[in-house]
Amino acid sequence: MEEKFSELDIKYILQRGNSLEKIEKQILFFKQGVSKINLVKSATKNDGIWVFDQKETQKLIDYFDKHKHKYTIEKFVPASGAASRMFKFLSEFITTYNPETETINAYINKTKSKDLSVFLVGLKNFPFYEALKEKTKQIYPNYLQVDKDVKDYLLIKTLLDKNYFDYASKPKAILPFHVQNTKVVTPIEEQLAETAYYKVASRKTKLHFTISPEHLESFQSITSQYSEYDINFSFQDHATDTLAVNLNNTPFRLENNQLLFRPGGHGALIENLNTLQSDIIFIKNIDNVSFNHFDDIVKYKKLLGGVLLRMQYLVFNYLKVLETNNFSKVSIAEIITFVREKLQLPLQEDFEMFQTEFQITSLYNQLNKPIRVCGMVKNEGEPGGGPFWVKDDKGKISLQIVETSQIDLKNENQIEIVKNATHFNPVDLVCGIKDYKGNKFNLSLFIDENTGFIVEKNKNGKPLKAYELPGLWNGAMAKWITIFVEVPLTTFNPVKTVNDLLKPAHQPILNE
């Protein structure tokens, strides 16, 4: 450690709350690289992904509704992301376009900016249009006299200007996404409304948002209007930040010679999740909301919840049998079949040949874990992760959500498996984070530390390498019991660019 860091460095590291041991491990990853995931095959219908017909779906929904009052249920929403990518093409336009020397059409033809063309065609349908137009007219008194190109330019300028709307710098969570009966609605409010599926009349509905500290006041200005909810916030802990290095793997230093730490990615949020005390946690990204598909969203959230409660009930019963060694009503063969065929957890082929004591211990260890039920939608080319069968370095095969960055894209076999993937991960999870005795699991014990990845970035024009922690629903949950369930595309309506707000899921249905 002394070869790399001075006493001042070590003091700074400890003041931040970072672990010297973890930093050493990160540097080792930079030097040796991070092993890519070994894909066996994609998870498909009835081969890793559960599919329910209408009758089965309704039965599980009814099960959830019947039993949900027995549990404390909470929604966990990662919401710290800024909207910079939403408005990237508009930021580029404002930076490079000169209204005095060319028309917008000429600019679009020159840059082949289809996004800008779509934005301008749909401009009046954005939920922020009326407010944007009024503000622009206030700022530029000659607005009504200028031609359309200049009007459009001034509107976009106002939308991004740090002195006015400044949307590209704000978190997605607080932006106008929908308009309902003339009321502008933010993703925060849509997330609140969706919680109807687990609302219990006798208590407040719980939600937890992970946010950036500088935006706390903005979030509270919205949530303070909804006193009927129990809403909490947390920030990403600086202790989960990772050390940046130069391209030669030496620590990257700022101009004042201080070490540079960067946020460790959404995998850091496993620590935030680990602080929650509710029995059942639903997880969903902040931008995955809809104006029109509310009924489907509620229905399939209940389905996922019903699967979790039912499977958790069975798992807990089997654990009690294994702990007490009481096989009067349940045989060990039944538990083996459940683990191997229903949960599809890895057991050795000749597992039945081992002594009963070994079987009991192994089954107990396999079942005594957090459980996650993950909705999966049909793959329609969206960028991001998906469900796969994965083999670890010990030869064990399990179901995992895998991101593209974890895959060896130079390996033809792995590429072929990815091409054949039928489903996509929309980040639609429900988690059981307590054991059969009611004690909360320590979620940090179920992380696969070897599933992070290295990215190249730059700081002040200088190139660097950064380490991203195992993702929240990837490596951070790798050692959980995992169940994949097919859900319809109507439940997946993310807003990655501002133009996504023009899609039917985000627009009011006009009465004919």
Protein backbone atom coordinates (compact mmCIF):
# COMPACT_ATOMS: atom_id res chain seq x y z
CA MET A 1 0.00 0.00 0.00
CA GLU A 2 2.87 2.39 0.84
CA GLU A 3 4.21 2.13 -2.73
CA LYS A 4 1.05 3.59 -4.18
CA PHE A 5 -0.34 5.91 -1.53
CA SER A 6 1.20 8.53 0.75
CA GLU A 7 0.11 9.09 4.33
CA LEU A 8 -2.02 11.99 3.09
CA ASP A 9 -3.64 9.67 0.55
CA ILE A 10 -4.48 7.08 3.18
CA LYS A 11 -5.85 9.78 5.50
CA TYR A 12 -8.04 11.09 2.66
CA ILE A 13 -9.26 7.58 1.79
CA LEU A 14 -10.22 6.83 5.38
CA GLN A 15 -11.88 10.24 5.82
CA ARG A 16 -14.09 9.46 2.84
CA GLY A 17 -15.05 6.14 4.41
CA ASN A 18 -13.52 4.06 1.63
CA SER A 19 -12.00 0.67 2.29
CA LEU A 20 -8.27 0.25 1.65
CA GLU A 21 -8.87 -3.45 1.08
CA LYS A 22 -11.51 -2.78 -1.59
CA ILE A 23 -9.28 -0.21 -3.30
CA GLU A 24 -6.47 -2.77 -3.48
CA LYS A 25 -8.91 -5.21 -5.06
CA GLN A 26 -10.04 -2.60 -7.57
CA ILE A 27 -6.44 -1.91 -8.60
CA LEU A 28 -5.98 -5.65 -9.06
CA PHE A 29 -9.01 -5.66 -11.37
CA PHE A 30 -7.45 -2.83 -13.39
CA LYS A 31 -4.19 -4.76 -13.75
CA GLN A 32 -5.61 -8.23 -14.38
CA GLY A 33 -8.91 -7.28 -15.97
CA VAL A 34 -12.39 -8.45 -14.97
CA SER A 35 -13.46 -11.85 -16.23
CA LYS A 36 -16.37 -11.76 -18.63
CA ILE A 37 -19.57 -13.66 -17.89
CA ASN A 38 -19.72 -17.19 -19.32
CA LEU A 39 -23.12 -17.42 -21.03
CA VAL A 40 -24.48 -20.95 -21.46
CA LYS A 41 -27.68 -19.95 -23.25
CA SER A 42 -30.40 -17.33 -23.09
CA ALA A 43 -33.31 -17.88 -20.75
CA THR A 44 -36.48 -18.48 -22.76
CA LYS A 45 -40.14 -19.39 -22.16
CA ASN A 46 -40.35 -22.43 -19.88
CA ASP A 47 -36.55 -22.68 -19.88
CA GLY A 48 -35.74 -20.15 -17.21
CA ILE A 49 -38.71 -17.83 -17.78
CA TRP A 50 -42.06 -18.69 -16.23
CA VAL A 51 -45.13 -18.04 -18.35
CA PHE A 52 -48.65 -18.02 -16.89
CA ASP A 53 -51.98 -18.28 -18.69
CA GLN A 54 -54.90 -16.04 -17.74
CA LYS A 55 -56.29 -18.44 -15.15
CA GLU A 56 -52.92 -18.92 -13.43
CA THR A 57 -52.25 -15.19 -13.56
CA GLN A 58 -55.54 -14.36 -11.86
CA LYS A 59 -54.94 -17.01 -9.21
CA LEU A 60 -51.57 -15.48 -8.30
CA ILE A 61 -53.02 -11.96 -8.33
CA ASP A 62 -55.74 -13.10 -5.92
CA TYR A 63 -53.09 -14.75 -3.74
CA PHE A 64 -51.17 -11.48 -3.54
CA ASP A 65 -54.29 -9.45 -2.71
CA LYS A 66 -55.32 -11.97 -0.05
CA HIS A 67 -51.97 -12.02 1.76
CA LYS A 68 -50.35 -8.60 1.18
CA HIS A 69 -51.72 -7.15 4.43
CA LYS A 70 -49.48 -9.58 6.36
CA TYR A 71 -46.35 -7.86 5.09
CA THR A 72 -44.72 -4.46 5.11
CA ILE A 73 -44.24 -3.57 1.44
CA GLU A 74 -42.11 -0.78 0.00
CA LYS A 75 -41.17 0.53 -3.43
CA PHE A 76 -37.49 1.26 -4.11
CA VAL A 77 -36.87 3.69 -6.97
CA PRO A 78 -33.35 4.63 -8.16
CA ALA A 79 -33.92 8.28 -9.10
CA SER A 80 -30.61 10.12 -8.97
CA GLY A 81 -29.94 10.05 -12.71
CA ALA A 82 -29.73 13.42 -14.47
CA ALA A 83 -31.68 14.00 -17.67
CA SER A 84 -28.58 14.97 -19.68
CA ARG A 85 -28.93 12.01 -22.07
CA MET A 86 -32.61 12.81 -22.60
CA PHE A 87 -31.63 16.14 -24.14
CA LYS A 88 -28.24 15.22 -25.63
CA PHE A 89 -29.23 15.87 -29.24
CA LEU A 90 -30.77 19.22 -28.28
CA SER A 91 -27.63 20.24 -26.40
CA GLU A 92 -25.57 19.40 -29.49
CA PHE A 93 -27.95 21.46 -31.61
CA ILE A 94 -27.68 24.55 -29.41
CA THR A 95 -23.90 24.23 -29.36
CA THR A 96 -23.41 23.85 -33.11
CA TYR A 97 -26.33 25.64 -34.80
CA ASN A 98 -26.10 29.28 -35.92
CA PRO A 99 -29.56 30.72 -36.69
CA GLU A 100 -27.98 33.61 -38.58
CA THR A 101 -26.23 31.47 -41.19
CA GLU A 102 -28.50 28.47 -41.90
CA THR A 103 -32.03 27.15 -41.58
CA ILE A 104 -32.95 24.34 -39.23
CA ASN A 105 -33.87 22.12 -42.18
CA ALA A 106 -30.40 22.69 -43.64
CA TYR A 107 -28.89 21.79 -40.26
CA ILE A 108 -30.99 18.61 -40.06
CA ASN A 109 -29.95 17.57 -43.56
CA LYS A 110 -26.31 18.29 -42.81
CA THR A 111 -26.21 16.45 -39.49
CA LYS A 112 -28.82 13.79 -40.36
CA SER A 113 -30.45 14.60 -37.02
CA LYS A 114 -33.65 12.57 -37.17
CA ASP A 115 -34.16 13.15 -33.42
CA LEU A 116 -34.27 16.92 -33.88
CA SER A 117 -36.76 16.57 -36.73
CA VAL A 118 -39.07 14.38 -34.60
CA PHE A 119 -38.75 16.79 -31.66
CA LEU A 120 -39.79 19.80 -33.72
CA VAL A 121 -42.70 18.00 -35.39
CA GLY A 122 -44.05 16.91 -32.00
CA LEU A 123 -43.10 20.06 -30.10
CA LYS A 124 -46.65 21.11 -29.20
CA ASN A 125 -47.38 17.66 -27.75
CA PHE A 126 -44.71 17.78 -25.06
CA PRO A 127 -46.06 18.26 -21.53
CA PHE A 128 -43.80 21.26 -20.98
CA TYR A 129 -44.66 23.09 -24.22
CA GLU A 130 -47.15 25.66 -22.93
CA ALA A 131 -44.97 26.70 -19.98
CA LEU A 132 -41.89 26.77 -22.22
CA LYS A 133 -43.60 28.96 -24.80
CA GLU A 134 -44.82 31.45 -22.19
CA LYS A 135 -41.38 31.70 -20.58
CA THR A 136 -39.67 32.17 -23.94
CA LYS A 137 -42.08 34.98 -24.83
CA GLN A 138 -41.19 36.69 -21.54
CA ILE A 139 -37.45 36.39 -22.17
CA TYR A 140 -37.57 37.41 -25.83
CA PRO A 141 -40.16 40.19 -26.39
CA ASN A 142 -39.82 39.88 -30.18
CA TYR A 143 -40.66 36.17 -30.12
CA LEU A 144 -43.97 36.55 -31.97
CA GLN A 145 -42.33 38.58 -34.75
CA VAL A 146 -39.50 36.20 -35.68
CA ASP A 147 -39.78 33.33 -38.16
CA LYS A 148 -40.42 29.70 -37.16
CA ASP A 149 -36.75 28.67 -37.23
CA VAL A 150 -35.82 31.36 -34.76
CA LYS A 151 -38.85 30.54 -32.59
CA ASP A 152 -37.81 26.89 -32.41
CA TYR A 153 -34.23 27.83 -31.65
CA LEU A 154 -35.28 30.16 -28.83
CA LEU A 155 -37.62 27.53 -27.35
CA ILE A 156 -34.84 24.93 -27.24
CA LYS A 157 -32.42 27.50 -25.84
CA THR A 158 -34.83 28.35 -23.02
CA LEU A 159 -35.43 24.65 -22.35
CA LEU A 160 -31.71 24.08 -21.73
CA ASP A 161 -30.57 27.45 -20.39
CA LYS A 162 -29.23 27.14 -16.83
CA ASN A 163 -30.94 30.42 -15.95
CA TYR A 164 -34.37 29.14 -16.99
CA PHE A 165 -35.66 25.57 -17.44
CA ASP A 166 -32.21 23.89 -17.36
CA TYR A 167 -33.81 20.50 -18.00
CA ALA A 168 -30.63 18.70 -19.07
CA SER A 169 -29.09 19.29 -15.62
CA LYS A 170 -32.10 18.22 -13.59
CA PRO A 171 -33.01 14.68 -12.51
CA LYS A 172 -35.57 12.94 -14.71
CA ALA A 173 -37.74 12.40 -11.65
CA ILE A 174 -38.87 16.01 -11.34
CA LEU A 175 -39.46 16.79 -15.05
CA PRO A 176 -42.91 17.04 -16.63
CA PHE A 177 -43.67 13.67 -18.24
CA HIS A 178 -47.45 13.75 -18.66
CA VAL A 179 -50.40 16.13 -18.59
CA GLN A 180 -53.55 14.92 -16.89
CA ASN A 181 -56.61 17.19 -16.87
CA THR A 182 -54.33 20.22 -17.42
CA LYS A 183 -52.10 19.14 -14.49
CA VAL A 184 -48.47 18.46 -15.33
CA VAL A 185 -47.37 15.13 -13.80
CA THR A 186 -43.81 14.11 -12.96
CA PRO A 187 -42.35 10.58 -12.83
CA ILE A 188 -42.34 10.88 -9.04
CA GLU A 189 -46.11 11.29 -9.02
CA GLU A 190 -46.63 8.46 -11.51
CA GLN A 191 -44.55 6.20 -9.28
CA LEU A 192 -46.73 7.17 -6.31
CA ALA A 193 -49.93 6.44 -8.22
CA GLU A 194 -48.69 3.00 -9.32
CA THR A 195 -48.36 1.83 -5.74
CA ALA A 196 -52.10 1.13 -5.76
CA TYR A 197 -51.23 -2.54 -6.21
CA TYR A 198 -49.83 -2.93 -2.70
CA LYS A 199 -51.82 -0.30 -0.82
CA VAL A 200 -53.35 -1.52 2.42
CA ALA A 201 -56.14 0.63 3.85
CA SER A 202 -54.88 0.59 7.42
CA ARG A 203 -51.43 2.08 6.75
CA LYS A 204 -49.50 4.55 4.63
CA THR A 205 -47.96 3.32 1.40
CA LYS A 206 -44.15 3.28 1.58
CA LEU A 207 -41.72 4.47 -1.09
CA HIS A 208 -37.98 5.03 -1.05
CA PHE A 209 -36.13 7.13 -3.64
CA THR A 210 -32.36 7.15 -4.03
CA ILE A 211 -31.35 10.66 -5.09
CA SER A 212 -28.45 13.12 -5.27
CA PRO A 213 -28.15 15.37 -2.18
CA GLU A 214 -28.28 18.58 -4.23
CA HIS A 215 -31.74 17.67 -5.53
CA LEU A 216 -33.36 16.81 -2.19
CA GLU A 217 -35.28 20.08 -1.98
CA SER A 218 -36.69 19.61 -5.51
CA PHE A 219 -37.93 16.12 -4.63
CA GLN A 220 -39.43 17.26 -1.34
CA SER A 221 -41.27 20.14 -3.03
CA ILE A 222 -43.19 17.50 -4.99
CA THR A 223 -43.57 14.74 -2.40
CA SER A 224 -44.64 17.14 0.38
CA GLN A 225 -47.97 17.44 -1.43
CA TYR A 226 -48.70 13.75 -0.79
CA SER A 227 -48.93 13.29 2.97
CA GLU A 228 -50.88 10.04 2.55
CA TYR A 229 -47.61 8.32 1.55
CA ASP A 230 -44.62 7.39 3.69
CA ILE A 231 -41.77 8.65 1.49
CA ASN A 232 -38.08 8.44 2.30
CA PHE A 233 -34.86 9.35 0.53
CA SER A 234 -31.27 8.19 0.62
CA PHE A 235 -28.05 9.16 -1.13
CA GLN A 236 -25.37 7.02 -2.68
CA ASP A 237 -22.72 6.56 0.00
CA HIS A 238 -19.29 8.04 -0.82
CA ALA A 239 -17.82 4.89 0.68
CA THR A 240 -19.04 3.03 -2.42
CA ASP A 241 -17.14 5.34 -4.80
CA THR A 242 -14.30 3.66 -6.68
CA LEU A 243 -10.76 4.86 -7.38
CA ALA A 244 -9.92 6.12 -10.87
CA VAL A 245 -6.57 5.19 -12.42
CA ASN A 246 -4.48 6.28 -15.38
CA LEU A 247 -4.22 4.05 -18.42
CA ASN A 248 -1.06 2.51 -16.90
CA ASN A 249 -3.08 1.56 -13.76
CA THR A 250 -1.47 4.11 -11.46
CA PRO A 251 -3.86 6.22 -9.34
CA PHE A 252 -5.30 9.17 -11.26
CA ARG A 253 -4.59 12.48 -9.54
CA LEU A 254 -6.20 15.89 -9.80
CA GLU A 255 -4.19 19.09 -10.23
CA ASN A 256 -3.83 19.40 -6.45
CA ASN A 257 -2.41 15.82 -6.40
CA GLN A 258 -5.55 14.48 -4.72
CA LEU A 259 -6.85 11.03 -5.65
CA LEU A 260 -9.93 10.93 -7.85
CA PHE A 261 -12.91 8.84 -6.76
CA ARG A 262 -15.96 8.30 -8.97
CA PRO A 263 -19.47 6.96 -8.22
CA GLY A 264 -19.45 3.18 -8.50
CA GLY A 265 -22.59 2.91 -10.65
CA HIS A 266 -26.05 1.63 -9.72
CA GLY A 267 -24.48 -1.40 -8.03
CA ALA A 268 -23.63 0.92 -5.14
CA LEU A 269 -27.35 1.10 -4.38
CA ILE A 270 -27.30 -2.41 -2.91
CA GLU A 271 -26.11 -0.63 0.25
CA ASN A 272 -29.15 1.67 0.16
CA LEU A 273 -31.43 -1.31 -0.40
CA ASN A 274 -29.71 -3.07 2.49
CA THR A 275 -30.89 -0.37 4.92
CA LEU A 276 -34.59 -0.97 4.24
CA GLN A 277 -36.54 -2.93 6.84
CA SER A 278 -39.71 -3.81 4.93
CA ASP A 279 -40.54 -7.45 4.21
CA ILE A 280 -41.15 -7.04 0.49
CA ILE A 281 -39.44 -4.54 -1.84
CA PHE A 282 -40.58 -3.68 -5.36
CA ILE A 283 -37.87 -2.10 -7.55
CA LYS A 284 -38.47 -0.01 -10.64
CA ASN A 285 -36.55 2.66 -12.56
CA ILE A 286 -37.80 6.22 -12.21
CA ASP A 287 -38.41 6.79 -15.94
CA ASN A 288 -40.43 3.61 -16.55
CA VAL A 289 -43.90 5.10 -16.13
CA SER A 290 -46.92 5.35 -18.41
CA PHE A 291 -49.92 7.57 -19.02
CA ASN A 292 -52.13 4.89 -20.56
CA HIS A 293 -51.15 1.43 -19.30
CA PHE A 294 -51.92 1.86 -15.61
CA ASP A 295 -54.22 -1.19 -15.35
CA ASP A 296 -51.66 -3.53 -16.93
CA ILE A 297 -48.88 -2.17 -14.72
CA VAL A 298 -50.93 -2.76 -11.56
CA LYS A 299 -52.07 -6.20 -12.73
CA TYR A 300 -48.61 -7.54 -13.48
CA LYS A 301 -47.04 -6.02 -10.39
CA LYS A 302 -49.57 -8.09 -8.44
CA LEU A 303 -48.64 -11.14 -10.50
CA LEU A 304 -44.95 -10.73 -9.63
CA GLY A 305 -45.90 -10.14 -6.00
CA GLY A 306 -48.09 -13.25 -5.98
CA VAL A 307 -45.25 -15.38 -7.37
CA LEU A 308 -42.90 -14.07 -4.70
CA LEU A 309 -45.28 -14.57 -1.78
CA ARG A 310 -46.20 -18.08 -2.94
CA MET A 311 -42.60 -19.18 -3.54
CA GLN A 312 -41.44 -17.58 -0.32
CA TYR A 313 -44.15 -19.45 1.58
CA LEU A 314 -42.95 -22.78 0.15
CA VAL A 315 -39.27 -21.97 0.68
CA PHE A 316 -39.88 -20.98 4.30
CA ASN A 317 -41.83 -24.18 4.99
CA TYR A 318 -39.07 -26.33 3.52
CA LEU A 319 -36.42 -24.47 5.52
CA LYS A 320 -38.34 -25.16 8.74
CA VAL A 321 -38.47 -28.85 7.83
CA LEU A 322 -34.74 -28.92 7.09
CA GLU A 323 -33.89 -27.07 10.30
CA THR A 324 -35.96 -29.37 12.54
CA ASN A 325 -35.12 -32.52 10.54
CA ASN A 326 -38.83 -33.34 10.66
CA PHE A 327 -39.76 -35.18 7.46
CA SER A 328 -43.08 -36.60 8.70
CA LYS A 329 -45.15 -34.58 6.18
CA VAL A 330 -42.53 -33.54 3.62
CA SER A 331 -39.90 -35.89 2.20
CA ILE A 332 -36.39 -34.78 1.36
CA ALA A 333 -37.04 -36.02 -2.18
CA GLU A 334 -39.86 -33.45 -2.50
CA ILE A 335 -37.53 -30.65 -1.45
CA ILE A 336 -34.84 -31.80 -3.89
CA THR A 337 -37.38 -31.77 -6.72
CA PHE A 338 -38.57 -28.29 -5.72
CA VAL A 339 -35.03 -26.90 -5.62
CA ARG A 340 -33.89 -28.54 -8.84
CA GLU A 341 -37.00 -28.34 -11.02
CA LYS A 342 -39.08 -25.45 -9.69
CA LEU A 343 -36.41 -23.00 -8.58
CA GLN A 344 -33.86 -24.45 -11.03
CA LEU A 345 -31.04 -24.07 -8.53
CA PRO A 346 -27.81 -26.00 -9.15
CA LEU A 347 -27.51 -29.40 -7.49
CA GLN A 348 -25.00 -32.08 -8.41
CA GLU A 349 -26.33 -34.77 -10.76
CA ASP A 350 -25.71 -37.51 -8.18
CA PHE A 351 -27.01 -35.39 -5.29
CA GLU A 352 -29.49 -38.11 -4.26
CA MET A 353 -26.57 -40.47 -3.61
CA PHE A 354 -25.05 -38.35 -0.85
CA GLN A 355 -25.69 -38.86 2.85
CA THR A 356 -28.86 -37.30 4.24
CA GLU A 357 -26.93 -34.96 6.52
CA PHE A 358 -25.02 -33.52 3.56
CA GLN A 359 -28.24 -33.17 1.55
CA ILE A 360 -29.97 -31.30 4.38
CA THR A 361 -27.09 -28.84 4.79
CA SER A 362 -26.79 -28.24 1.04
CA LEU A 363 -30.54 -27.73 0.55
CA TYR A 364 -30.72 -25.43 3.55
CA ASN A 365 -27.88 -23.28 2.18
CA GLN A 366 -29.49 -23.16 -1.27
CA LEU A 367 -32.86 -22.03 0.09
CA ASN A 368 -31.81 -19.67 2.87
CA LYS A 369 -31.24 -16.67 0.59
CA PRO A 370 -33.03 -13.50 -0.50
CA ILE A 371 -35.54 -14.12 -3.29
CA ARG A 372 -36.16 -11.94 -6.32
CA VAL A 373 -38.89 -12.30 -8.94
CA CYS A 374 -38.02 -10.38 -12.10
CA GLY A 375 -40.44 -9.41 -14.83
CA MET A 376 -39.08 -9.97 -18.36
CA VAL A 377 -40.48 -8.50 -21.57
CA LYS A 378 -40.03 -9.70 -25.13
CA ASN A 379 -36.84 -8.42 -26.72
CA GLU A 380 -37.51 -5.70 -29.27
CA GLY A 381 -33.96 -4.44 -29.67
CA GLU A 382 -33.78 -2.19 -26.59
CA PRO A 383 -30.22 -1.64 -25.34
CA GLY A 384 -29.53 -3.20 -21.96
CA GLY A 385 -29.42 -6.48 -20.10
CA GLY A 386 -31.36 -9.67 -20.37
CA PRO A 387 -31.98 -13.07 -18.70
CA PHE A 388 -29.39 -15.78 -19.30
CA TRP A 389 -28.17 -19.10 -17.99
CA VAL A 390 -24.63 -18.47 -16.73
CA LYS A 391 -21.81 -20.80 -15.66
CA ASP A 392 -19.51 -19.61 -12.86
CA ASP A 393 -15.82 -20.48 -12.35
CA LYS A 394 -16.84 -23.53 -10.30
CA GLY A 395 -19.00 -24.89 -13.09
CA LYS A 396 -22.32 -24.08 -11.42
CA ILE A 397 -25.09 -22.89 -13.73
CA SER A 398 -27.60 -20.29 -12.56
CA LEU A 399 -30.05 -17.72 -13.86
CA GLN A 400 -28.68 -14.18 -14.03
CA ILE A 401 -29.51 -10.79 -15.47
CA VAL A 402 -26.53 -9.87 -17.64
CA GLU A 403 -25.59 -6.49 -19.11
CA THR A 404 -23.85 -6.15 -22.49
CA SER A 405 -20.74 -4.78 -20.75
CA GLN A 406 -20.31 -8.11 -18.94
CA ILE A 407 -20.23 -10.15 -22.16
CA ASP A 408 -17.17 -11.03 -24.24
CA LEU A 409 -18.28 -9.54 -27.55
CA LYS A 410 -15.15 -10.90 -29.27
CA ASN A 411 -16.33 -14.46 -28.64
CA GLU A 412 -18.52 -15.68 -31.51
CA ASN A 413 -20.26 -18.26 -29.34
CA GLN A 414 -21.22 -15.64 -26.77
CA ILE A 415 -22.39 -13.24 -29.49
CA GLU A 416 -24.60 -15.95 -30.96
CA ILE A 417 -26.21 -16.58 -27.59
CA VAL A 418 -26.94 -12.86 -27.22
CA LYS A 419 -28.44 -12.73 -30.73
CA ASN A 420 -30.81 -15.56 -29.82
CA ALA A 421 -32.04 -13.85 -26.65
CA THR A 422 -35.83 -13.62 -26.64
CA HIS A 423 -36.35 -11.40 -23.59
CA PHE A 424 -35.12 -8.14 -22.11
CA ASN A 425 -34.71 -6.90 -18.54
CA PRO A 426 -37.01 -3.89 -17.94
CA VAL A 427 -35.93 -3.59 -14.26
CA ASP A 428 -39.21 -4.80 -12.80
CA LEU A 429 -38.38 -6.69 -9.60
CA VAL A 430 -40.01 -7.74 -6.37
CA CYS A 431 -37.69 -8.90 -3.59
CA GLY A 432 -38.05 -10.84 -0.36
CA ILE A 433 -35.18 -9.65 1.83
CA LYS A 434 -35.97 -11.44 5.09
CA ASP A 435 -35.37 -15.04 6.12
CA TYR A 436 -37.91 -17.56 7.36
CA LYS A 437 -37.39 -16.36 10.95
CA GLY A 438 -38.18 -12.77 10.03
CA ASN A 439 -34.58 -11.55 10.18
CA LYS A 440 -33.34 -9.30 7.40
CA PHE A 441 -30.60 -10.74 5.24
CA ASN A 442 -27.31 -8.87 4.99
CA LEU A 443 -27.53 -8.29 1.25
CA SER A 444 -23.82 -7.51 0.91
CA LEU A 445 -23.11 -11.22 1.53
CA PHE A 446 -24.84 -12.20 -1.72
CA ILE A 447 -22.81 -10.09 -4.15
CA ASP A 448 -20.58 -11.68 -6.78
CA GLU A 449 -17.62 -9.33 -6.43
CA ASN A 450 -16.12 -10.52 -9.72
CA THR A 451 -18.94 -9.18 -11.92
CA GLY A 452 -18.03 -5.50 -12.05
CA PHE A 453 -16.54 -3.97 -15.17
CA ILE A 454 -13.97 -1.39 -16.29
CA VAL A 455 -14.87 1.66 -18.37
CA GLU A 456 -12.74 4.35 -19.99
CA LYS A 457 -13.61 7.96 -19.20
CA ASN A 458 -11.81 11.28 -19.06
CA LYS A 459 -11.34 14.06 -16.55
CA ASN A 460 -10.30 17.55 -17.60
CA GLY A 461 -9.32 16.15 -20.99
CA LYS A 462 -7.13 13.41 -19.53
CA PRO A 463 -8.05 9.74 -20.15
CA LEU A 464 -8.68 7.45 -17.20
CA LYS A 465 -10.06 4.06 -16.29
CA ALA A 466 -12.88 3.63 -13.81
CA TYR A 467 -14.34 0.58 -12.09
CA GLU A 468 -18.10 0.04 -12.01
CA LEU A 469 -19.37 -2.09 -9.14
CA PRO A 470 -21.45 -5.22 -9.85
CA GLY A 471 -24.82 -3.84 -11.00
CA LEU A 472 -27.75 -3.69 -8.59
CA TRP A 473 -29.79 -6.34 -10.44
CA ASN A 474 -26.72 -8.04 -11.97
CA GLY A 475 -23.77 -9.05 -9.81
CA ALA A 476 -25.10 -7.40 -6.66
CA MET A 477 -27.95 -9.95 -6.61
CA ALA A 478 -26.06 -12.81 -8.26
CA LYS A 479 -26.34 -15.15 -5.27
CA TRP A 480 -30.07 -14.62 -4.66
CA ILE A 481 -32.77 -17.12 -5.58
CA THR A 482 -33.84 -15.80 -8.99
CA ILE A 483 -37.17 -16.31 -10.74
CA PHE A 484 -37.94 -14.81 -14.17
CA VAL A 485 -41.57 -14.21 -15.20
CA GLU A 486 -42.80 -13.00 -18.58
CA VAL A 487 -44.75 -9.73 -18.46
CA PRO A 488 -46.21 -7.76 -21.41
CA LEU A 489 -44.48 -4.88 -23.17
CA THR A 490 -47.20 -2.52 -21.95
CA THR A 491 -45.46 -2.58 -18.55
CA PHE A 492 -42.22 -1.22 -20.06
CA ASN A 493 -42.38 2.44 -21.10
CA PRO A 494 -38.99 4.05 -20.37
CA VAL A 495 -38.07 7.59 -21.33
CA LYS A 496 -34.49 7.49 -22.56
CA THR A 497 -34.75 10.55 -24.82
CA VAL A 498 -37.20 13.43 -24.67
CA ASN A 499 -38.81 12.14 -27.87
CA ASP A 500 -40.00 9.05 -26.01
CA LEU A 501 -42.58 11.33 -24.41
CA LEU A 502 -44.27 11.49 -27.83
CA LYS A 503 -44.95 7.73 -27.82
CA PRO A 504 -48.57 6.61 -27.24
CA ALA A 505 -47.79 5.35 -23.72
CA HIS A 506 -47.01 8.93 -22.68
CA GLN A 507 -49.69 10.79 -24.59
CA PRO A 508 -53.34 11.25 -23.59
CA ILE A 509 -55.84 9.23 -25.58
CA LEU A 510 -57.95 11.59 -27.64
CA ASN A 511 -61.68 10.92 -27.66
CA GLU A 512 -62.98 10.53 -31.19
